[in-house]
Amino acid sequence: MLDLNTGVHKLERCASVLKAIAHPIRIAIIELLEKHEKLSVSEIHEQLNLEQAVASHHLGILKNKGVLVSYREGKNMLYELKHRQITQIIEIMERCSTV
């Protein structure tokens, strides 16, 4: 049975993360960062063939929801996965979506 205080809060956090990753571009960013560990906005937009503004928009959403962390290295802002296990959610969803 759910403890209404901690249970609801936990469910809301989980739903927030799922909403954050629920977009094809954001899934692609997560998968790219899984392979490369850390990348700049420029590297992400080039590798995914996106406009830089689009990449920045989606990176901001992922960062604000706690999926990514960022830090400055010289002139570049680098992004990396906060918890690498997030990729397991995507892998499970891919398995569940195959018929």
PDB file of N, CA and C in Angstrom:
ATOM      1  N   MET A   1       0.837  -1.184   0.000  1.00  0.00           N
ATOM      2  CA  MET A   1       0.000   0.000   0.000  1.00  0.00           C
ATOM      3  C   MET A   1       0.882   1.247   0.000  1.00  0.00           C
ATOM      4  N   LEU A   2       0.434   2.280  -0.696  1.00  0.00           N
ATOM      5  CA  LEU A   2       1.199   3.509  -0.801  1.00  0.00           C
ATOM      6  C   LEU A   2       1.104   4.347   0.457  1.00  0.00           C
ATOM      7  N   ASP A   3       2.260   4.775   0.940  1.00  0.00           N
ATOM      8  CA  ASP A   3       2.283   5.793   1.979  1.00  0.00           C
ATOM      9  C   ASP A   3       2.003   7.105   1.245  1.00  0.00           C
ATOM     10  N   LEU A   4       0.905   7.747   1.561  1.00  0.00           N
ATOM     11  CA  LEU A   4       0.472   8.915   0.788  1.00  0.00           C
ATOM     12  C   LEU A   4       1.490  10.038   0.773  1.00  0.00           C
ATOM     13  N   ASN A   5       2.295  10.163   1.822  1.00  0.00           N
ATOM     14  CA  ASN A   5       3.282  11.245   1.842  1.00  0.00           C
ATOM     15  C   ASN A   5       4.472  10.942   0.941  1.00  0.00           C
ATOM     16  N   THR A   6       5.131   9.819   1.163  1.00  0.00           N
ATOM     17  CA  THR A   6       6.310   9.506   0.355  1.00  0.00           C
ATOM     18  C   THR A   6       5.937   8.852  -0.964  1.00  0.00           C
ATOM     19  N   GLY A   7       4.877   8.080  -0.993  1.00  0.00           N
ATOM     20  CA  GLY A   7       4.480   7.388  -2.209  1.00  0.00           C
ATOM     21  C   GLY A   7       4.098   8.331  -3.323  1.00  0.00           C
ATOM     22  N   VAL A   8       3.293   9.312  -3.020  1.00  0.00           N
ATOM     23  CA  VAL A   8       2.855  10.269  -4.042  1.00  0.00           C
ATOM     24  C   VAL A   8       4.041  11.082  -4.541  1.00  0.00           C
ATOM     25  N   HIS A   9       4.903  11.499  -3.625  1.00  0.00           N
ATOM     26  CA  HIS A   9       6.078  12.277  -4.021  1.00  0.00           C
ATOM     27  C   HIS A   9       6.978  11.453  -4.948  1.00  0.00           C
ATOM     28  N   LYS A  10       7.186  10.194  -4.612  1.00  0.00           N
ATOM     29  CA  LYS A  10       8.006   9.306  -5.435  1.00  0.00           C
ATOM     30  C   LYS A  10       7.385   9.129  -6.818  1.00  0.00           C
ATOM     31  N   LEU A  11       6.080   8.919  -6.865  1.00  0.00           N
ATOM     32  CA  LEU A  11       5.392   8.756  -8.149  1.00  0.00           C
ATOM     33  C   LEU A  11       5.480  10.018  -8.998  1.00  0.00           C
ATOM     34  N   GLU A  12       5.363  11.173  -8.361  1.00  0.00           N
ATOM     35  CA  GLU A  12       5.465  12.438  -9.094  1.00  0.00           C
ATOM     36  C   GLU A  12       6.861  12.632  -9.667  1.00  0.00           C
ATOM     37  N   ARG A  13       7.894  12.276  -8.903  1.00  0.00           N
ATOM     38  CA  ARG A  13       9.270  12.375  -9.400  1.00  0.00           C
ATOM     39  C   ARG A  13       9.474  11.442 -10.592  1.00  0.00           C
ATOM     40  N   CYS A  14       8.970  10.218 -10.471  1.00  0.00           N
ATOM     41  CA  CYS A  14       9.101   9.252 -11.575  1.00  0.00           C
ATOM     42  C   CYS A  14       8.381   9.751 -12.823  1.00  0.00           C
ATOM     43  N   ALA A  15       7.176  10.252 -12.645  1.00  0.00           N
ATOM     44  CA  ALA A  15       6.402  10.761 -13.781  1.00  0.00           C
ATOM     45  C   ALA A  15       7.107  11.948 -14.428  1.00  0.00           C
ATOM     46  N   SER A  16       7.723  12.787 -13.624  1.00  0.00           N
ATOM     47  CA  SER A  16       8.437  13.948 -14.140  1.00  0.00           C
ATOM     48  C   SER A  16       9.612  13.530 -15.025  1.00  0.00           C
ATOM     49  N   VAL A  17      10.359  12.529 -14.592  1.00  0.00           N
ATOM     50  CA  VAL A  17      11.485  12.034 -15.395  1.00  0.00           C
ATOM     51  C   VAL A  17      10.976  11.389 -16.681  1.00  0.00           C
ATOM     52  N   LEU A  18       9.919  10.590 -16.579  1.00  0.00           N
ATOM     53  CA  LEU A  18       9.370   9.952 -17.779  1.00  0.00           C
ATOM     54  C   LEU A  18       8.877  10.987 -18.780  1.00  0.00           C
ATOM     55  N   LYS A  19       8.235  12.052 -18.297  1.00  0.00           N
ATOM     56  CA  LYS A  19       7.795  13.125 -19.195  1.00  0.00           C
ATOM     57  C   LYS A  19       8.995  13.792 -19.855  1.00  0.00           C
ATOM     58  N   ALA A  20      10.061  13.979 -19.082  1.00  0.00           N
ATOM     59  CA  ALA A  20      11.252  14.652 -19.613  1.00  0.00           C
ATOM     60  C   ALA A  20      11.888  13.872 -20.753  1.00  0.00           C
ATOM     61  N   ILE A  21      11.888  12.547 -20.657  1.00  0.00           N
ATOM     62  CA  ILE A  21      12.544  11.757 -21.707  1.00  0.00           C
ATOM     63  C   ILE A  21      11.584  11.349 -22.820  1.00  0.00           C
ATOM     64  N   ALA A  22      10.318  11.714 -22.692  1.00  0.00           N
ATOM     65  CA  ALA A  22       9.286  11.264 -23.633  1.00  0.00           C
ATOM     66  C   ALA A  22       9.261  12.099 -24.910  1.00  0.00           C
ATOM     67  N   HIS A  23      10.381  12.146 -25.608  1.00  0.00           N
ATOM     68  CA  HIS A  23      10.456  12.842 -26.889  1.00  0.00           C
ATOM     69  C   HIS A  23      11.594  12.198 -27.686  1.00  0.00           C
ATOM     70  N   PRO A  24      11.391  11.946 -28.971  1.00  0.00           N
ATOM     71  CA  PRO A  24      12.432  11.272 -29.766  1.00  0.00           C
ATOM     72  C   PRO A  24      13.790  11.979 -29.740  1.00  0.00           C
ATOM     73  N   ILE A  25      13.799  13.297 -29.778  1.00  0.00           N
ATOM     74  CA  ILE A  25      15.076  14.020 -29.755  1.00  0.00           C
ATOM     75  C   ILE A  25      15.768  13.835 -28.413  1.00  0.00           C
ATOM     76  N   ARG A  26      15.007  13.888 -27.333  1.00  0.00           N
ATOM     77  CA  ARG A  26      15.617  13.729 -26.007  1.00  0.00           C
ATOM     78  C   ARG A  26      16.134  12.307 -25.811  1.00  0.00           C
ATOM     79  N   ILE A  27      15.423  11.328 -26.342  1.00  0.00           N
ATOM     80  CA  ILE A  27      15.918   9.944 -26.276  1.00  0.00           C
ATOM     81  C   ILE A  27      17.219   9.834 -27.070  1.00  0.00           C
ATOM     82  N   ALA A  28      17.271  10.462 -28.229  1.00  0.00           N
ATOM     83  CA  ALA A  28      18.493  10.434 -29.045  1.00  0.00           C
ATOM     84  C   ALA A  28      19.657  11.099 -28.310  1.00  0.00           C
ATOM     85  N   ILE A  29      19.388  12.193 -27.619  1.00  0.00           N
ATOM     86  CA  ILE A  29      20.432  12.876 -26.842  1.00  0.00           C
ATOM     87  C   ILE A  29      20.948  11.958 -25.737  1.00  0.00           C
ATOM     88  N   ILE A  30      20.040  11.308 -25.035  1.00  0.00           N
ATOM     89  CA  ILE A  30      20.434  10.394 -23.956  1.00  0.00           C
ATOM     90  C   ILE A  30      21.278   9.249 -24.507  1.00  0.00           C
ATOM     91  N   GLU A  31      20.860   8.670 -25.609  1.00  0.00           N
ATOM     92  CA  GLU A  31      21.623   7.565 -26.204  1.00  0.00           C
ATOM     93  C   GLU A  31      22.995   8.031 -26.696  1.00  0.00           C
ATOM     94  N   LEU A  32      23.055   9.240 -27.228  1.00  0.00           N
ATOM     95  CA  LEU A  32      24.330   9.801 -27.678  1.00  0.00           C
ATOM     96  C   LEU A  32      25.268  10.020 -26.489  1.00  0.00           C
ATOM     97  N   LEU A  33      24.729  10.562 -25.401  1.00  0.00           N
ATOM     98  CA  LEU A  33      25.555  10.796 -24.215  1.00  0.00           C
ATOM     99  C   LEU A  33      25.968   9.494 -23.540  1.00  0.00           C
ATOM    100  N   GLU A  34      25.177   8.466 -23.713  1.00  0.00           N
ATOM    101  CA  GLU A  34      25.578   7.160 -23.182  1.00  0.00           C
ATOM    102  C   GLU A  34      26.854   6.681 -23.884  1.00  0.00           C
ATOM    103  N   LYS A  35      26.945   6.927 -25.177  1.00  0.00           N
ATOM    104  CA  LYS A  35      28.097   6.475 -25.961  1.00  0.00           C
ATOM    105  C   LYS A  35      29.323   7.366 -25.773  1.00  0.00           C
ATOM    106  N   HIS A  36      29.090   8.672 -25.600  1.00  0.00           N
ATOM    107  CA  HIS A  36      30.202   9.628 -25.582  1.00  0.00           C
ATOM    108  C   HIS A  36      30.486  10.226 -24.208  1.00  0.00           C
ATOM    109  N   GLU A  37      29.718   9.904 -23.227  1.00  0.00           N
ATOM    110  CA  GLU A  37      29.876  10.356 -21.843  1.00  0.00           C
ATOM    111  C   GLU A  37      29.596  11.839 -21.662  1.00  0.00           C
ATOM    112  N   LYS A  38      30.352  12.718 -22.326  1.00  0.00           N
ATOM    113  CA  LYS A  38      30.076  14.151 -22.220  1.00  0.00           C
ATOM    114  C   LYS A  38      30.285  14.811 -23.572  1.00  0.00           C
ATOM    115  N   LEU A  39      29.370  15.741 -23.885  1.00  0.00           N
ATOM    116  CA  LEU A  39      29.427  16.439 -25.168  1.00  0.00           C
ATOM    117  C   LEU A  39      28.974  17.880 -24.997  1.00  0.00           C
ATOM    118  N   SER A  40      29.436  18.734 -25.894  1.00  0.00           N
ATOM    119  CA  SER A  40      28.977  20.123 -25.919  1.00  0.00           C
ATOM    120  C   SER A  40      27.702  20.219 -26.756  1.00  0.00           C
ATOM    121  N   VAL A  41      27.037  21.360 -26.656  1.00  0.00           N
ATOM    122  CA  VAL A  41      25.839  21.599 -27.463  1.00  0.00           C
ATOM    123  C   VAL A  41      26.188  21.483 -28.946  1.00  0.00           C
ATOM    124  N   SER A  42      27.319  22.048 -29.334  1.00  0.00           N
ATOM    125  CA  SER A  42      27.729  21.999 -30.744  1.00  0.00           C
ATOM    126  C   SER A  42      27.908  20.571 -31.225  1.00  0.00           C
ATOM    127  N   GLU A  43      28.553  19.744 -30.406  1.00  0.00           N
ATOM    128  CA  GLU A  43      28.761  18.349 -30.796  1.00  0.00           C
ATOM    129  C   GLU A  43      27.436  17.604 -30.904  1.00  0.00           C
ATOM    130  N   ILE A  44      26.532  17.880 -29.977  1.00  0.00           N
ATOM    131  CA  ILE A  44      25.227  17.211 -29.991  1.00  0.00           C
ATOM    132  C   ILE A  44      24.430  17.621 -31.222  1.00  0.00           C
ATOM    133  N   HIS A  45      24.366  18.916 -31.493  1.00  0.00           N
ATOM    134  CA  HIS A  45      23.557  19.355 -32.645  1.00  0.00           C
ATOM    135  C   HIS A  45      24.159  18.861 -33.956  1.00  0.00           C
ATOM    136  N   GLU A  46      25.482  18.784 -34.041  1.00  0.00           N
ATOM    137  CA  GLU A  46      26.109  18.274 -35.262  1.00  0.00           C
ATOM    138  C   GLU A  46      25.863  16.774 -35.436  1.00  0.00           C
ATOM    139  N   GLN A  47      26.041  16.015 -34.372  1.00  0.00           N
ATOM    140  CA  GLN A  47      25.903  14.560 -34.489  1.00  0.00           C
ATOM    141  C   GLN A  47      24.465  14.122 -34.716  1.00  0.00           C
ATOM    142  N   LEU A  48      23.503  14.899 -34.199  1.00  0.00           N
ATOM    143  CA  LEU A  48      22.093  14.547 -34.383  1.00  0.00           C
ATOM    144  C   LEU A  48      21.449  15.306 -35.538  1.00  0.00           C
ATOM    145  N   ASN A  49      22.246  16.143 -36.222  1.00  0.00           N
ATOM    146  CA  ASN A  49      21.754  16.920 -37.354  1.00  0.00           C
ATOM    147  C   ASN A  49      20.548  17.776 -36.966  1.00  0.00           C
ATOM    148  N   LEU A  50      20.706  18.511 -35.863  1.00  0.00           N
ATOM    149  CA  LEU A  50      19.665  19.408 -35.361  1.00  0.00           C
ATOM    150  C   LEU A  50      20.161  20.838 -35.432  1.00  0.00           C
ATOM    151  N   GLU A  51      19.230  21.779 -35.456  1.00  0.00           N
ATOM    152  CA  GLU A  51      19.626  23.166 -35.279  1.00  0.00           C
ATOM    153  C   GLU A  51      20.104  23.322 -33.844  1.00  0.00           C
ATOM    154  N   GLN A  52      21.079  24.211 -33.633  1.00  0.00           N
ATOM    155  CA  GLN A  52      21.638  24.363 -32.292  1.00  0.00           C
ATOM    156  C   GLN A  52      20.577  24.817 -31.293  1.00  0.00           C
ATOM    157  N   ALA A  53      19.661  25.671 -31.717  1.00  0.00           N
ATOM    158  CA  ALA A  53      18.600  26.138 -30.814  1.00  0.00           C
ATOM    159  C   ALA A  53      17.702  24.982 -30.372  1.00  0.00           C
ATOM    160  N   VAL A  54      17.432  24.059 -31.275  1.00  0.00           N
ATOM    161  CA  VAL A  54      16.598  22.892 -30.945  1.00  0.00           C
ATOM    162  C   VAL A  54      17.326  22.007 -29.940  1.00  0.00           C
ATOM    163  N   ALA A  55      18.609  21.751 -30.192  1.00  0.00           N
ATOM    164  CA  ALA A  55      19.398  20.943 -29.259  1.00  0.00           C
ATOM    165  C   ALA A  55      19.439  21.608 -27.886  1.00  0.00           C
ATOM    166  N   SER A  56      19.668  22.909 -27.851  1.00  0.00           N
ATOM    167  CA  SER A  56      19.728  23.643 -26.577  1.00  0.00           C
ATOM    168  C   SER A  56      18.412  23.566 -25.824  1.00  0.00           C
ATOM    169  N   HIS A  57      17.315  23.678 -26.546  1.00  0.00           N
ATOM    170  CA  HIS A  57      15.987  23.599 -25.927  1.00  0.00           C
ATOM    171  C   HIS A  57      15.798  22.253 -25.229  1.00  0.00           C
ATOM    172  N   HIS A  58      16.093  21.175 -25.926  1.00  0.00           N
ATOM    173  CA  HIS A  58      15.892  19.840 -25.359  1.00  0.00           C
ATOM    174  C   HIS A  58      16.901  19.544 -24.248  1.00  0.00           C
ATOM    175  N   LEU A  59      18.123  20.034 -24.382  1.00  0.00           N
ATOM    176  CA  LEU A  59      19.108  19.874 -23.309  1.00  0.00           C
ATOM    177  C   LEU A  59      18.641  20.592 -22.045  1.00  0.00           C
ATOM    178  N   GLY A  60      18.056  21.773 -22.213  1.00  0.00           N
ATOM    179  CA  GLY A  60      17.539  22.521 -21.068  1.00  0.00           C
ATOM    180  C   GLY A  60      16.453  21.765 -20.329  1.00  0.00           C
ATOM    181  N   ILE A  61      15.552  21.148 -21.070  1.00  0.00           N
ATOM    182  CA  ILE A  61      14.483  20.357 -20.444  1.00  0.00           C
ATOM    183  C   ILE A  61      15.076  19.194 -19.664  1.00  0.00           C
ATOM    184  N   LEU A  62      15.999  18.473 -20.275  1.00  0.00           N
ATOM    185  CA  LEU A  62      16.611  17.319 -19.607  1.00  0.00           C
ATOM    186  C   LEU A  62      17.406  17.745 -18.370  1.00  0.00           C
ATOM    187  N   LYS A  63      18.065  18.879 -18.456  1.00  0.00           N
ATOM    188  CA  LYS A  63      18.829  19.377 -17.303  1.00  0.00           C
ATOM    189  C   LYS A  63      17.891  19.817 -16.182  1.00  0.00           C
ATOM    190  N   ASN A  64      16.848  20.552 -16.531  1.00  0.00           N
ATOM    191  CA  ASN A  64      15.907  21.048 -15.514  1.00  0.00           C
ATOM    192  C   ASN A  64      15.181  19.926 -14.788  1.00  0.00           C
ATOM    193  N   LYS A  65      14.992  18.802 -15.440  1.00  0.00           N
ATOM    194  CA  LYS A  65      14.308  17.654 -14.820  1.00  0.00           C
ATOM    195  C   LYS A  65      15.280  16.697 -14.136  1.00  0.00           C
ATOM    196  N   GLY A  66      16.569  17.054 -14.133  1.00  0.00           N
ATOM    197  CA  GLY A  66      17.547  16.252 -13.411  1.00  0.00           C
ATOM    198  C   GLY A  66      18.079  15.045 -14.153  1.00  0.00           C
ATOM    199  N   VAL A  67      17.841  14.988 -15.457  1.00  0.00           N
ATOM    200  CA  VAL A  67      18.339  13.864 -16.253  1.00  0.00           C
ATOM    201  C   VAL A  67      19.805  14.105 -16.636  1.00  0.00           C
ATOM    202  N   LEU A  68      20.156  15.363 -16.899  1.00  0.00           N
ATOM    203  CA  LEU A  68      21.513  15.740 -17.279  1.00  0.00           C
ATOM    204  C   LEU A  68      22.106  16.705 -16.272  1.00  0.00           C
ATOM    205  N   VAL A  69      23.421  16.761 -16.257  1.00  0.00           N
ATOM    206  CA  VAL A  69      24.144  17.812 -15.544  1.00  0.00           C
ATOM    207  C   VAL A  69      25.028  18.507 -16.570  1.00  0.00           C
ATOM    208  N   SER A  70      25.373  19.749 -16.285  1.00  0.00           N
ATOM    209  CA  SER A  70      26.238  20.484 -17.199  1.00  0.00           C
ATOM    210  C   SER A  70      27.308  21.212 -16.402  1.00  0.00           C
ATOM    211  N   TYR A  71      28.412  21.470 -17.068  1.00  0.00           N
ATOM    212  CA  TYR A  71      29.485  22.245 -16.463  1.00  0.00           C
ATOM    213  C   TYR A  71      30.290  22.891 -17.584  1.00  0.00           C
ATOM    214  N   ARG A  72      30.939  23.973 -17.226  1.00  0.00           N
ATOM    215  CA  ARG A  72      31.705  24.722 -18.212  1.00  0.00           C
ATOM    216  C   ARG A  72      33.132  24.181 -18.258  1.00  0.00           C
ATOM    217  N   GLU A  73      33.599  24.020 -19.481  1.00  0.00           N
ATOM    218  CA  GLU A  73      34.990  23.633 -19.716  1.00  0.00           C
ATOM    219  C   GLU A  73      35.526  24.580 -20.781  1.00  0.00           C
ATOM    220  N   GLY A  74      36.280  25.565 -20.354  1.00  0.00           N
ATOM    221  CA  GLY A  74      36.731  26.608 -21.273  1.00  0.00           C
ATOM    222  C   GLY A  74      35.539  27.417 -21.744  1.00  0.00           C
ATOM    223  N   LYS A  75      35.370  27.523 -23.051  1.00  0.00           N
ATOM    224  CA  LYS A  75      34.239  28.261 -23.618  1.00  0.00           C
ATOM    225  C   LYS A  75      33.007  27.388 -23.801  1.00  0.00           C
ATOM    226  N   ASN A  76      33.164  26.088 -23.646  1.00  0.00           N
ATOM    227  CA  ASN A  76      32.068  25.156 -23.919  1.00  0.00           C
ATOM    228  C   ASN A  76      31.309  24.749 -22.664  1.00  0.00           C
ATOM    229  N   MET A  77      30.011  24.578 -22.832  1.00  0.00           N
ATOM    230  CA  MET A  77      29.170  23.984 -21.800  1.00  0.00           C
ATOM    231  C   MET A  77      29.031  22.517 -22.170  1.00  0.00           C
ATOM    232  N   LEU A  78      29.473  21.641 -21.281  1.00  0.00           N
ATOM    233  CA  LEU A  78      29.407  20.210 -21.541  1.00  0.00           C
ATOM    234  C   LEU A  78      28.253  19.592 -20.774  1.00  0.00           C
ATOM    235  N   TYR A  79      27.640  18.604 -21.387  1.00  0.00           N
ATOM    236  CA  TYR A  79      26.504  17.903 -20.785  1.00  0.00           C
ATOM    237  C   TYR A  79      26.855  16.436 -20.625  1.00  0.00           C
ATOM    238  N   GLU A  80      26.357  15.858 -19.532  1.00  0.00           N
ATOM    239  CA  GLU A  80      26.504  14.418 -19.327  1.00  0.00           C
ATOM    240  C   GLU A  80      25.296  13.912 -18.562  1.00  0.00           C
ATOM    241  N   LEU A  81      25.096  12.606 -18.615  1.00  0.00           N
ATOM    242  CA  LEU A  81      23.979  11.987 -17.904  1.00  0.00           C
ATOM    243  C   LEU A  81      24.235  12.062 -16.403  1.00  0.00           C
ATOM    244  N   LYS A  82      23.227  12.463 -15.662  1.00  0.00           N
ATOM    245  CA  LYS A  82      23.363  12.506 -14.204  1.00  0.00           C
ATOM    246  C   LYS A  82      23.408  11.087 -13.642  1.00  0.00           C
ATOM    247  N   HIS A  83      22.546  10.229 -14.157  1.00  0.00           N
ATOM    248  CA  HIS A  83      22.501   8.823 -13.754  1.00  0.00           C
ATOM    249  C   HIS A  83      22.488   7.988 -15.032  1.00  0.00           C
ATOM    250  N   ARG A  84      23.530   7.243 -15.250  1.00  0.00           N
ATOM    251  CA  ARG A  84      23.639   6.455 -16.480  1.00  0.00           C
ATOM    252  C   ARG A  84      22.560   5.385 -16.579  1.00  0.00           C
ATOM    253  N   GLN A  85      21.941   5.033 -15.460  1.00  0.00           N
ATOM    254  CA  GLN A  85      20.887   4.014 -15.465  1.00  0.00           C
ATOM    255  C   GLN A  85      19.651   4.463 -16.238  1.00  0.00           C
ATOM    256  N   ILE A  86      19.533   5.748 -16.533  1.00  0.00           N
ATOM    257  CA  ILE A  86      18.369   6.243 -17.278  1.00  0.00           C
ATOM    258  C   ILE A  86      18.264   5.524 -18.623  1.00  0.00           C
ATOM    259  N   THR A  87      19.391   5.088 -19.154  1.00  0.00           N
ATOM    260  CA  THR A  87      19.368   4.391 -20.441  1.00  0.00           C
ATOM    261  C   THR A  87      18.663   3.041 -20.330  1.00  0.00           C
ATOM    262  N   GLN A  88      18.639   2.462 -19.143  1.00  0.00           N
ATOM    263  CA  GLN A  88      17.936   1.192 -18.946  1.00  0.00           C
ATOM    264  C   GLN A  88      16.431   1.366 -19.135  1.00  0.00           C
ATOM    265  N   ILE A  89      15.908   2.521 -18.737  1.00  0.00           N
ATOM    266  CA  ILE A  89      14.483   2.801 -18.943  1.00  0.00           C
ATOM    267  C   ILE A  89      14.175   2.785 -20.438  1.00  0.00           C
ATOM    268  N   ILE A  90      15.030   3.415 -21.216  1.00  0.00           N
ATOM    269  CA  ILE A  90      14.826   3.475 -22.664  1.00  0.00           C
ATOM    270  C   ILE A  90      14.917   2.078 -23.272  1.00  0.00           C
ATOM    271  N   GLU A  91      15.902   1.302 -22.832  1.00  0.00           N
ATOM    272  CA  GLU A  91      16.046  -0.067 -23.341  1.00  0.00           C
ATOM    273  C   GLU A  91      14.810  -0.906 -23.023  1.00  0.00           C
ATOM    274  N   ILE A  92      14.289  -0.784 -21.818  1.00  0.00           N
ATOM    275  CA  ILE A  92      13.087  -1.531 -21.428  1.00  0.00           C
ATOM    276  C   ILE A  92      11.895  -1.097 -22.270  1.00  0.00           C
ATOM    277  N   MET A  93      11.746   0.200 -22.490  1.00  0.00           N
ATOM    278  CA  MET A  93      10.635   0.699 -23.302  1.00  0.00           C
ATOM    279  C   MET A  93      10.749   0.196 -24.741  1.00  0.00           C
ATOM    280  N   GLU A  94      11.973   0.135 -25.257  1.00  0.00           N
ATOM    281  CA  GLU A  94      12.160  -0.391 -26.613  1.00  0.00           C
ATOM    282  C   GLU A  94      11.730  -1.850 -26.686  1.00  0.00           C
ATOM    283  N   ARG A  95      12.084  -2.639 -25.674  1.00  0.00           N
ATOM    284  CA  ARG A  95      11.680  -4.052 -25.650  1.00  0.00           C
ATOM    285  C   ARG A  95      10.168  -4.185 -25.523  1.00  0.00           C
ATOM    286  N   CYS A  96       9.555  -3.331 -24.727  1.00  0.00           N
ATOM    287  CA  CYS A  96       8.102  -3.398 -24.527  1.00  0.00           C
ATOM    288  C   CYS A  96       7.334  -2.946 -25.766  1.00  0.00           C
ATOM    289  N   SER A  97       7.960  -2.134 -26.606  1.00  0.00           N
ATOM    290  CA  SER A  97       7.239  -1.602 -27.765  1.00  0.00           C
ATOM    291  C   SER A  97       7.364  -2.482 -28.998  1.00  0.00           C
ATOM    292  N   THR A  98       8.178  -3.529 -28.946  1.00  0.00           N
ATOM    293  CA  THR A  98       8.285  -4.416 -30.103  1.00  0.00           C
ATOM    294  C   THR A  98       7.159  -5.433 -30.068  1.00  0.00           C
ATOM    295  N   VAL A  99       6.645  -5.701 -31.247  1.00  0.00           N
ATOM    296  CA  VAL A  99       5.523  -6.643 -31.346  1.00  0.00           C
ATOM    297  C   VAL A  99       6.017  -7.981 -31.831  1.00  0.00           C
TER     298      VAL A  99
END
